[in-house]
Amino acid sequence: MAYESINPYDGTLLKTFQKLTDNELEAAIVAAHACFESWRLKTFSQRAAVVGRAAAIMRERPDDFARLATLEMGKLIEEARGEVLLSAEILDYYAKNAECFLAPEHLAPTSGEAEVISSPIGVLFGVQPWNFPYYQLARFVAPNLMAGNVVMVKHSGCVQQCAIAVEKLWLEAGAPAGAYSNLIISYEQVNRVIDDPRIKGVALTGSADAGKSVAARAGQNLKKSTMELGGSDAFIVLDDADLDKSVAWAVWAKMNNMGQCCIAAKRLIVVEELADCFLKKFQAAMASLIPGDPMDKSTTLGPLSTEAALMQLVAQVEEAVANGATLVMGGKRIDRPGSFMQPTILTNVKPDNPAFRKEFFGPVALFFRVKNEDEAVALANDSDFGLGGSVFTRDIARGKRMASRIDTGMVFINHPTWTAADLPFGGIKNSGYGRELSRMGIQEFVNKKLVRTESIDAPP
């Protein structure tokens, strides 16, 4: 079965893409493996010239890249443009900093000399999702190309125009053939790639179920892997928070990318003193969103990425209500062409409700009221996920104390969970393991080799 690119705004079939044959896949792996043997020998400045040029091209033509994302997965055009520019920032960040990040670390043994050097490990395989079709690739590709590895990517089937645009980008930037390969392959072929001894590491961004499958396969082959999986981020509002700012950030945190974001604010946890007023303001703001063409800058509510995503989310809301949740607003598809869903708020979601444990990947917010910060922390931690979270309070010291008690990979104070090139990104529990971005992101797929020098006589 071929991959299909469908515009979720109106259901138009844009293009179809045939999967690679096994012979074509083998040829791609051969080319990547051969490329690694020369790419690994390039200097940091030689690699940086390519990576920096790719960043410059994205900055020169942001609208070209953004338009494809809007067409293929419905991202609002201004958000798509912002994603392209963020991706360029990530490329530039590693082009400028990789040599420093991977510089030899000199140790101080009791005698002799020792240092740890960083070496590339080979061909890496990345399985990437549709929701940020450029950013997800940038944070995987940029550090690893700068480290001297080469990468092969299996991108999501619904954003293959974006995937092909990225492959062309690297060739235009001067990357040798095989440094970056887009693989249009089946799930069965994914296993073949992971099993291949020429593949030395595996990275996945996706669902927990996908992570379990890919991580298990990598583990069977004794290959290093990183997993960036789902999230159910808590958005905590304490009694001393700025109410209006908290509401404004809550809407942004919930509705960025139409809520199709692993670090979206999925659970709004508000102390009793502010709960009623917060909910009233939040509901009004959600109701004011305007559905329309995501290519139109005035549109504030775009479609979900696919019809299947819409149907799954509607079914999740129906299941939540059937198990006792209260539907404050929304919950249904919008009566118009395209995969549009009403902004939705659920309350009274109890621990025995399946919705309490699940991730809602779209414009659905779960609202909880708590008595105090201890209850807020307990509720935030009562989750199978542990990606990000945020705390809103005027007392920064209080916010930091709470952050130290929240079991996630990231906590933001007075700002929703978000991302930047120089901030490490990743989670714990069912949200995965490993880190991307920042100095930490380039360390995942390099060999940290000890080189020890000692001139002593052998024992008799």
Protein backbone atom coordinates (compact mmCIF):
# COMPACT_ATOMS: atom_id res chain seq x y z
CA MET A 1 0.00 0.00 0.00
CA ALA A 2 1.36 3.42 -0.94
CA TYR A 3 1.64 6.39 1.40
CA GLU A 4 -0.92 9.12 0.79
CA SER A 5 -0.59 12.85 1.33
CA ILE A 6 -4.08 14.23 2.03
CA ASN A 7 -4.97 17.83 2.80
CA PRO A 8 -6.95 17.63 6.09
CA TYR A 9 -8.56 21.01 5.41
CA ASP A 10 -10.70 19.68 2.57
CA GLY A 11 -9.84 15.99 2.21
CA THR A 12 -8.11 16.44 -1.15
CA LEU A 13 -5.64 13.73 -2.13
CA LEU A 14 -2.43 15.59 -2.89
CA LYS A 15 0.04 12.87 -3.84
CA THR A 16 0.81 9.18 -3.39
CA PHE A 17 4.22 7.70 -2.74
CA GLN A 18 5.35 4.17 -3.46
CA LYS A 19 7.37 2.41 -0.80
CA LEU A 20 10.93 1.34 -1.53
CA THR A 21 11.52 -2.20 -2.71
CA ASP A 22 13.85 -4.33 -0.61
CA ASN A 23 16.54 -3.89 -3.23
CA GLU A 24 16.14 -0.12 -3.17
CA LEU A 25 16.33 -0.13 0.60
CA GLU A 26 19.51 -2.20 0.49
CA ALA A 27 21.07 0.24 -1.96
CA ALA A 28 20.22 3.14 0.38
CA ILE A 29 21.88 1.42 3.34
CA VAL A 30 24.97 0.63 1.24
CA ALA A 31 25.21 4.30 0.23
CA ALA A 32 24.79 5.53 3.82
CA HIS A 33 27.41 3.11 5.15
CA ALA A 34 29.88 4.17 2.44
CA CYS A 35 29.18 7.85 3.13
CA PHE A 36 29.91 7.42 6.83
CA GLU A 37 33.43 6.21 6.13
CA SER A 38 34.25 9.55 4.50
CA TRP A 39 31.94 11.86 6.47
CA ARG A 40 33.43 10.78 9.78
CA LEU A 41 36.83 12.06 8.56
CA LYS A 42 35.57 15.56 7.78
CA THR A 43 36.59 18.33 10.14
CA PHE A 44 34.02 20.10 12.27
CA SER A 45 34.35 23.19 10.08
CA GLN A 46 33.70 21.13 6.93
CA ARG A 47 30.57 19.61 8.44
CA ALA A 48 29.48 22.99 9.80
CA ALA A 49 29.66 24.49 6.32
CA VAL A 50 27.02 22.00 5.15
CA VAL A 51 24.79 22.23 8.23
CA GLY A 52 25.03 26.02 8.29
CA ARG A 53 24.13 26.21 4.61
CA ALA A 54 21.04 24.06 5.23
CA ALA A 55 19.98 26.53 7.94
CA ALA A 56 20.50 29.45 5.57
CA ILE A 57 18.35 27.82 2.88
CA MET A 58 15.51 27.34 5.37
CA ARG A 59 15.74 31.01 6.32
CA GLU A 60 15.80 32.06 2.68
CA ARG A 61 12.68 30.06 1.78
CA PRO A 62 10.61 29.60 4.94
CA ASP A 63 7.29 29.96 3.13
CA ASP A 64 8.10 27.14 0.71
CA PHE A 65 8.69 24.71 3.55
CA ALA A 66 5.82 26.04 5.67
CA ARG A 67 3.29 25.69 2.86
CA LEU A 68 3.99 21.96 2.56
CA ALA A 69 3.41 21.40 6.28
CA THR A 70 0.13 23.31 6.16
CA LEU A 71 -1.03 21.37 3.12
CA GLU A 72 -0.11 17.96 4.49
CA MET A 73 -1.04 18.12 8.17
CA GLY A 74 -3.08 21.30 8.56
CA LYS A 75 -0.70 23.34 10.70
CA LEU A 76 -1.65 27.03 10.82
CA ILE A 77 0.59 28.77 8.30
CA GLU A 78 2.20 31.15 10.80
CA GLU A 79 2.93 28.23 13.16
CA ALA A 80 4.41 26.31 10.24
CA ARG A 81 6.63 29.24 9.35
CA GLY A 82 7.74 29.48 12.98
CA GLU A 83 8.62 25.79 12.95
CA VAL A 84 10.83 26.25 9.88
CA LEU A 85 12.71 29.12 11.50
CA LEU A 86 13.10 27.17 14.77
CA SER A 87 14.54 24.28 12.77
CA ALA A 88 17.06 26.63 11.17
CA GLU A 89 18.06 27.85 14.64
CA ILE A 90 18.74 24.27 15.71
CA LEU A 91 20.91 23.62 12.67
CA ASP A 92 22.92 26.79 13.28
CA TYR A 93 23.24 26.00 16.98
CA TYR A 94 24.98 22.69 16.34
CA ALA A 95 27.04 24.03 13.44
CA LYS A 96 28.47 26.64 15.82
CA ASN A 97 28.79 24.58 19.02
CA ALA A 98 29.42 20.93 18.11
CA GLU A 99 33.22 21.15 18.21
CA CYS A 100 33.13 22.66 21.69
CA PHE A 101 30.54 20.15 22.91
CA LEU A 102 32.63 17.20 21.70
CA ALA A 103 36.05 18.51 22.69
CA PRO A 104 38.28 16.00 24.52
CA GLU A 105 37.69 15.90 28.26
CA HIS A 106 40.97 15.81 30.15
CA LEU A 107 40.93 13.75 33.34
CA ALA A 108 43.22 13.90 36.36
CA PRO A 109 44.25 10.33 37.25
CA THR A 110 46.59 9.71 40.18
CA SER A 111 49.38 9.03 37.72
CA GLY A 112 49.96 9.41 34.01
CA GLU A 113 47.47 11.08 31.71
CA ALA A 114 43.92 10.34 30.56
CA GLU A 115 41.27 11.89 28.40
CA VAL A 116 37.84 11.02 27.01
CA ILE A 117 37.36 11.61 23.31
CA SER A 118 34.09 11.52 21.36
CA SER A 119 33.85 9.50 18.16
CA PRO A 120 30.90 8.96 15.79
CA ILE A 121 29.43 5.48 15.80
CA GLY A 122 28.02 5.13 12.27
CA VAL A 123 24.70 5.05 10.45
CA LEU A 124 21.73 6.05 12.63
CA PHE A 125 18.07 5.31 11.98
CA GLY A 126 15.33 7.72 13.06
CA VAL A 127 11.57 7.06 13.08
CA GLN A 128 9.88 10.45 13.15
CA PRO A 129 6.26 11.70 13.54
CA TRP A 130 4.10 14.05 11.50
CA ASN A 131 3.22 16.73 14.04
CA PHE A 132 6.39 18.83 13.60
CA PRO A 133 7.70 17.55 10.27
CA TYR A 134 10.78 19.82 10.20
CA TYR A 135 11.61 20.45 13.85
CA GLN A 136 11.59 16.74 14.73
CA LEU A 137 14.09 16.07 11.96
CA ALA A 138 16.30 19.05 12.83
CA ARG A 139 16.84 18.01 16.41
CA PHE A 140 17.76 14.45 15.36
CA VAL A 141 19.79 15.23 12.25
CA ALA A 142 21.79 18.35 13.13
CA PRO A 143 23.70 17.06 16.17
CA ASN A 144 24.37 13.69 14.64
CA LEU A 145 25.65 14.99 11.31
CA MET A 146 27.89 17.40 13.21
CA ALA A 147 29.17 14.52 15.35
CA GLY A 148 30.23 12.66 12.20
CA ASN A 149 27.39 10.17 12.00
CA VAL A 150 25.07 9.83 9.02
CA VAL A 151 21.31 9.42 9.30
CA MET A 152 18.46 7.56 7.68
CA VAL A 153 14.89 8.66 8.46
CA LYS A 154 11.55 6.91 8.20
CA HIS A 155 9.17 9.88 8.33
CA SER A 156 5.42 9.64 8.85
CA GLY A 157 3.49 8.58 5.75
CA CYS A 158 1.16 11.60 5.74
CA VAL A 159 3.96 14.20 5.46
CA GLN A 160 6.08 12.72 2.70
CA GLN A 161 6.22 15.98 0.74
CA CYS A 162 7.87 17.55 3.79
CA ALA A 163 10.16 14.54 4.14
CA ILE A 164 11.31 14.74 0.52
CA ALA A 165 11.82 18.50 0.83
CA VAL A 166 14.21 17.89 3.73
CA GLU A 167 16.17 15.28 1.79
CA LYS A 168 16.52 17.74 -1.11
CA LEU A 169 17.53 20.45 1.37
CA TRP A 170 20.56 18.48 2.53
CA LEU A 171 21.69 17.72 -0.99
CA GLU A 172 21.32 21.39 -1.94
CA ALA A 173 23.34 22.34 1.13
CA GLY A 174 26.22 20.19 -0.08
CA ALA A 175 25.81 17.04 1.98
CA PRO A 176 27.22 14.00 0.17
CA ALA A 177 24.81 11.34 -1.06
CA GLY A 178 24.05 9.02 1.83
CA ALA A 179 24.58 11.56 4.61
CA TYR A 180 20.82 12.02 4.88
CA SER A 181 18.39 9.46 3.46
CA ASN A 182 14.59 9.60 3.48
CA LEU A 183 13.20 6.05 3.58
CA ILE A 184 9.65 5.50 2.32
CA ILE A 185 9.31 2.05 3.84
CA SER A 186 6.81 -0.29 5.48
CA TYR A 187 6.70 -1.26 9.15
CA GLU A 188 8.16 -4.64 8.21
CA GLN A 189 11.06 -2.89 6.52
CA VAL A 190 11.56 -0.77 9.63
CA ASN A 191 12.40 -3.98 11.51
CA ARG A 192 14.80 -4.97 8.74
CA VAL A 193 16.63 -1.64 9.07
CA ILE A 194 16.90 -1.95 12.86
CA ASP A 195 18.21 -5.50 12.51
CA ASP A 196 20.83 -4.53 9.94
CA PRO A 197 24.34 -4.64 11.48
CA ARG A 198 25.34 -1.52 9.54
CA ILE A 199 22.81 0.49 11.58
CA LYS A 200 24.42 1.49 14.89
CA GLY A 201 21.72 3.46 16.71
CA VAL A 202 17.97 4.06 16.68
CA ALA A 203 15.92 7.14 17.65
CA LEU A 204 12.14 7.34 17.74
CA THR A 205 9.68 10.12 18.44
CA GLY A 206 6.13 8.84 18.65
CA SER A 207 3.62 7.00 20.80
CA ALA A 208 4.44 4.80 23.78
CA ASP A 209 3.30 1.72 21.86
CA ALA A 210 5.58 2.58 18.94
CA GLY A 211 8.39 3.19 21.40
CA LYS A 212 7.97 -0.19 23.04
CA SER A 213 8.11 -1.94 19.68
CA VAL A 214 11.13 -0.07 18.31
CA ALA A 215 13.04 -0.04 21.60
CA ALA A 216 12.51 -3.78 21.99
CA ARG A 217 13.81 -4.41 18.49
CA ALA A 218 16.84 -2.21 19.09
CA GLY A 219 17.45 -3.95 22.40
CA GLN A 220 17.36 -7.36 20.78
CA ASN A 221 20.15 -6.12 18.54
CA LEU A 222 22.09 -4.51 21.42
CA LYS A 223 21.81 -1.09 19.81
CA LYS A 224 21.71 2.23 21.60
CA SER A 225 18.35 3.95 21.33
CA THR A 226 16.58 7.12 22.42
CA MET A 227 12.81 7.38 22.80
CA GLU A 228 10.80 10.61 22.90
CA LEU A 229 7.26 9.40 23.47
CA GLY A 230 3.91 10.81 24.56
CA GLY A 231 3.07 13.16 27.36
CA SER A 232 0.25 14.30 29.59
CA ASP A 233 1.74 17.54 30.82
CA ALA A 234 0.30 19.20 33.90
CA PHE A 235 -0.35 22.95 33.75
CA ILE A 236 -0.49 23.97 37.42
CA VAL A 237 -1.96 27.32 38.50
CA LEU A 238 -1.37 28.25 42.14
CA ASP A 239 -3.39 30.67 44.24
CA ASP A 240 -0.91 33.54 43.80
CA ALA A 241 -0.65 33.25 39.99
CA ASP A 242 -1.46 36.07 37.59
CA LEU A 243 -4.87 34.80 36.47
CA ASP A 244 -5.11 36.53 33.10
CA LYS A 245 -1.58 35.57 32.07
CA SER A 246 -2.18 31.99 33.20
CA VAL A 247 -5.34 31.72 31.13
CA ALA A 248 -3.67 33.20 28.05
CA TRP A 249 -0.76 30.78 28.36
CA ALA A 250 -3.13 27.87 28.98
CA VAL A 251 -4.92 28.51 25.69
CA TRP A 252 -1.60 28.74 23.85
CA ALA A 253 -0.23 25.65 25.59
CA LYS A 254 -3.33 23.61 24.83
CA MET A 255 -3.98 24.80 21.28
CA ASN A 256 -0.52 25.19 19.78
CA ASN A 257 -0.50 22.89 16.73
CA MET A 258 -4.18 22.23 17.54
CA GLY A 259 -3.09 20.38 20.67
CA GLN A 260 -1.22 17.81 18.59
CA CYS A 261 1.94 18.20 20.61
CA CYS A 262 3.60 15.84 23.07
CA ILE A 263 4.24 18.76 25.42
CA ALA A 264 0.81 20.37 25.09
CA ALA A 265 -0.91 21.32 28.36
CA LYS A 266 -3.18 18.30 28.57
CA ARG A 267 -4.15 18.51 32.27
CA LEU A 268 -5.06 21.91 33.70
CA ILE A 269 -4.66 21.72 37.49
CA VAL A 270 -5.93 24.85 39.25
CA VAL A 271 -6.22 25.60 42.98
CA GLU A 272 -9.74 26.00 44.34
CA GLU A 273 -9.46 29.77 44.90
CA LEU A 274 -8.99 30.45 41.18
CA ALA A 275 -10.68 27.41 39.64
CA ASP A 276 -14.11 28.83 38.79
CA CYS A 277 -12.81 32.10 37.36
CA PHE A 278 -10.00 30.35 35.46
CA LEU A 279 -12.39 27.84 33.89
CA LYS A 280 -14.85 30.57 32.85
CA LYS A 281 -12.12 32.63 31.17
CA PHE A 282 -10.49 29.58 29.59
CA GLN A 283 -13.81 28.36 28.17
CA ALA A 284 -14.54 31.78 26.68
CA ALA A 285 -11.13 31.92 25.04
CA MET A 286 -11.50 28.42 23.58
CA ALA A 287 -14.96 29.30 22.25
CA SER A 288 -13.58 32.35 20.45
CA LEU A 289 -11.28 30.32 18.18
CA ILE A 290 -12.21 30.64 14.50
CA PRO A 291 -12.12 27.56 12.24
CA GLY A 292 -11.03 28.04 8.68
CA ASP A 293 -8.36 27.59 6.04
CA PRO A 294 -5.01 27.09 7.81
CA MET A 295 -3.38 28.98 4.92
CA ASP A 296 -5.33 32.08 6.02
CA LYS A 297 -3.47 33.99 8.73
CA SER A 298 -6.78 35.00 10.35
CA THR A 299 -7.70 31.36 11.07
CA THR A 300 -7.18 30.37 14.70
CA LEU A 301 -8.61 26.84 14.62
CA GLY A 302 -7.21 24.50 12.01
CA PRO A 303 -8.03 20.88 11.20
CA LEU A 304 -6.49 17.86 12.85
CA SER A 305 -3.78 16.11 10.87
CA THR A 306 -5.93 13.30 9.49
CA GLU A 307 -9.50 12.03 9.52
CA ALA A 308 -8.33 9.04 11.55
CA ALA A 309 -6.86 11.33 14.22
CA LEU A 310 -10.17 13.20 14.45
CA MET A 311 -12.24 10.04 14.79
CA GLN A 312 -9.94 8.63 17.46
CA LEU A 313 -10.12 11.81 19.52
CA VAL A 314 -13.92 12.03 19.30
CA ALA A 315 -14.11 8.40 20.42
CA GLN A 316 -11.83 9.13 23.38
CA VAL A 317 -14.08 11.99 24.51
CA GLU A 318 -17.18 9.82 24.18
CA GLU A 319 -15.50 7.10 26.25
CA ALA A 320 -14.53 9.64 28.91
CA VAL A 321 -18.10 10.94 29.20
CA ALA A 322 -19.51 7.41 29.27
CA ASN A 323 -17.28 6.75 32.27
CA GLY A 324 -18.43 9.76 34.26
CA ALA A 325 -16.58 12.81 32.94
CA THR A 326 -18.47 16.07 32.48
CA LEU A 327 -18.39 17.63 29.03
CA VAL A 328 -18.13 21.39 29.59
CA MET A 329 -17.89 22.24 25.89
CA GLY A 330 -17.15 20.70 22.50
CA GLY A 331 -16.55 17.00 22.06
CA LYS A 332 -17.69 16.65 18.45
CA ARG A 333 -16.43 17.26 14.94
CA ILE A 334 -17.34 20.60 13.41
CA ASP A 335 -20.02 20.39 10.73
CA ARG A 336 -17.93 21.52 7.78
CA PRO A 337 -15.55 19.91 5.27
CA GLY A 338 -12.22 18.79 6.67
CA SER A 339 -11.03 17.11 9.85
CA PHE A 340 -12.10 19.83 12.31
CA MET A 341 -12.92 19.21 15.97
CA GLN A 342 -14.61 21.52 18.44
CA PRO A 343 -12.36 22.82 21.23
CA THR A 344 -13.23 20.59 24.16
CA ILE A 345 -13.06 20.75 27.97
CA LEU A 346 -13.67 17.78 30.27
CA THR A 347 -14.03 17.95 34.06
CA ASN A 348 -14.73 15.40 36.79
CA VAL A 349 -12.28 12.94 35.26
CA LYS A 350 -11.75 10.43 38.08
CA PRO A 351 -8.84 7.99 38.43
CA ASP A 352 -11.06 5.05 37.41
CA ASN A 353 -11.96 6.75 34.13
CA PRO A 354 -9.81 5.50 31.20
CA ALA A 355 -9.35 9.15 30.22
CA PHE A 356 -7.37 9.76 33.42
CA ARG A 357 -4.45 7.68 32.06
CA LYS A 358 -4.65 8.40 28.35
CA GLU A 359 -3.04 11.07 26.22
CA PHE A 360 -5.47 13.33 24.33
CA PHE A 361 -3.62 14.42 21.17
CA GLY A 362 -5.71 17.33 20.01
CA PRO A 363 -7.90 20.25 21.20
CA VAL A 364 -9.14 18.49 24.37
CA ALA A 365 -8.29 19.84 27.84
CA LEU A 366 -8.84 17.96 31.09
CA PHE A 367 -9.59 20.37 33.94
CA PHE A 368 -8.93 19.52 37.61
CA ARG A 369 -9.39 21.57 40.75
CA VAL A 370 -7.21 20.97 43.83
CA LYS A 371 -7.06 22.36 47.38
CA ASN A 372 -3.36 23.24 47.55
CA GLU A 373 0.06 22.77 46.00
CA ASP A 374 0.56 19.36 47.64
CA GLU A 375 -2.56 18.05 45.92
CA ALA A 376 -1.38 19.65 42.69
CA VAL A 377 1.96 17.85 42.84
CA ALA A 378 0.33 14.54 43.73
CA LEU A 379 -2.07 14.84 40.79
CA ALA A 380 0.66 15.92 38.39
CA ASN A 381 2.72 12.88 39.38
CA ASP A 382 -0.24 10.48 39.16
CA SER A 383 0.46 9.82 35.50
CA ASP A 384 2.12 7.12 33.45
CA PHE A 385 3.84 9.89 31.49
CA GLY A 386 6.66 12.17 32.57
CA LEU A 387 7.61 14.53 29.77
CA GLY A 388 7.04 18.14 30.83
CA GLY A 389 4.93 20.39 32.99
CA SER A 390 4.56 23.95 34.17
CA VAL A 391 3.84 25.88 37.35
CA PHE A 392 2.32 29.36 37.47
CA THR A 393 3.02 31.43 40.58
CA ARG A 394 4.29 34.90 41.46
CA ASP A 395 6.71 33.31 43.96
CA ILE A 396 9.60 31.95 41.89
CA ALA A 397 11.19 30.17 44.85
CA ARG A 398 7.88 28.42 45.47
CA GLY A 399 7.72 27.45 41.82
CA LYS A 400 11.22 25.97 41.94
CA ARG A 401 10.38 23.97 45.05
CA MET A 402 7.38 22.52 43.26
CA ALA A 403 9.44 21.83 40.15
CA SER A 404 11.82 19.71 42.22
CA ARG A 405 8.88 17.53 43.32
CA ILE A 406 7.32 16.97 39.90
CA ASP A 407 8.38 13.71 38.21
CA THR A 408 9.06 14.80 34.64
CA GLY A 409 12.02 15.50 32.40
CA MET A 410 11.17 19.21 32.15
CA VAL A 411 9.36 21.78 34.29
CA PHE A 412 8.79 25.40 33.27
CA ILE A 413 7.83 28.17 35.68
CA ASN A 414 5.37 30.82 34.44
CA HIS A 415 5.65 29.45 30.90
CA PRO A 416 4.27 26.30 29.28
CA THR A 417 6.60 23.45 28.41
CA TRP A 418 8.39 24.43 25.23
CA THR A 419 11.61 23.95 23.32
CA ALA A 420 14.73 25.76 22.20
CA ALA A 421 17.99 24.67 20.64
CA ASP A 422 19.96 25.25 23.85
CA LEU A 423 17.52 23.51 26.23
CA PRO A 424 17.60 19.72 26.77
CA PHE A 425 14.40 17.95 25.74
CA GLY A 426 13.18 14.57 26.98
CA GLY A 427 11.23 12.71 29.63
CA ILE A 428 10.96 9.77 31.99
CA LYS A 429 8.45 6.97 32.63
CA ASN A 430 6.31 6.22 29.56
CA SER A 431 7.54 9.43 27.96
CA GLY A 432 10.78 7.69 27.07
CA TYR A 433 14.48 8.13 27.73
CA GLY A 434 17.45 10.03 26.39
CA ARG A 435 17.74 13.72 25.62
CA GLU A 436 17.71 15.81 22.47
CA LEU A 437 18.88 19.39 21.90
CA SER A 438 21.44 21.39 23.94
CA ARG A 439 24.88 20.03 24.78
CA MET A 440 23.22 16.82 25.97
CA GLY A 441 21.61 16.05 22.61
CA ILE A 442 24.88 15.58 20.76
CA GLN A 443 26.23 13.12 23.34
CA GLU A 444 23.68 10.35 22.78
CA PHE A 445 25.18 8.65 19.71
CA VAL A 446 28.92 9.10 20.15
CA ASN A 447 31.49 6.73 21.58
CA LYS A 448 32.96 8.25 24.75
CA LYS A 449 36.37 6.67 24.45
CA LEU A 450 38.94 6.69 27.25
CA VAL A 451 42.53 7.21 26.12
CA ARG A 452 44.98 6.42 28.95
CA THR A 453 48.70 7.11 28.88
CA GLU A 454 50.93 5.57 31.57
CA SER A 455 54.60 4.58 31.46
CA ILE A 456 55.21 2.06 34.21
CA ASP A 457 57.01 -1.22 34.39
CA ALA A 458 55.06 -4.45 34.20
CA PRO A 459 54.85 -6.42 37.46
CA PRO A 460 57.46 -9.16 37.81
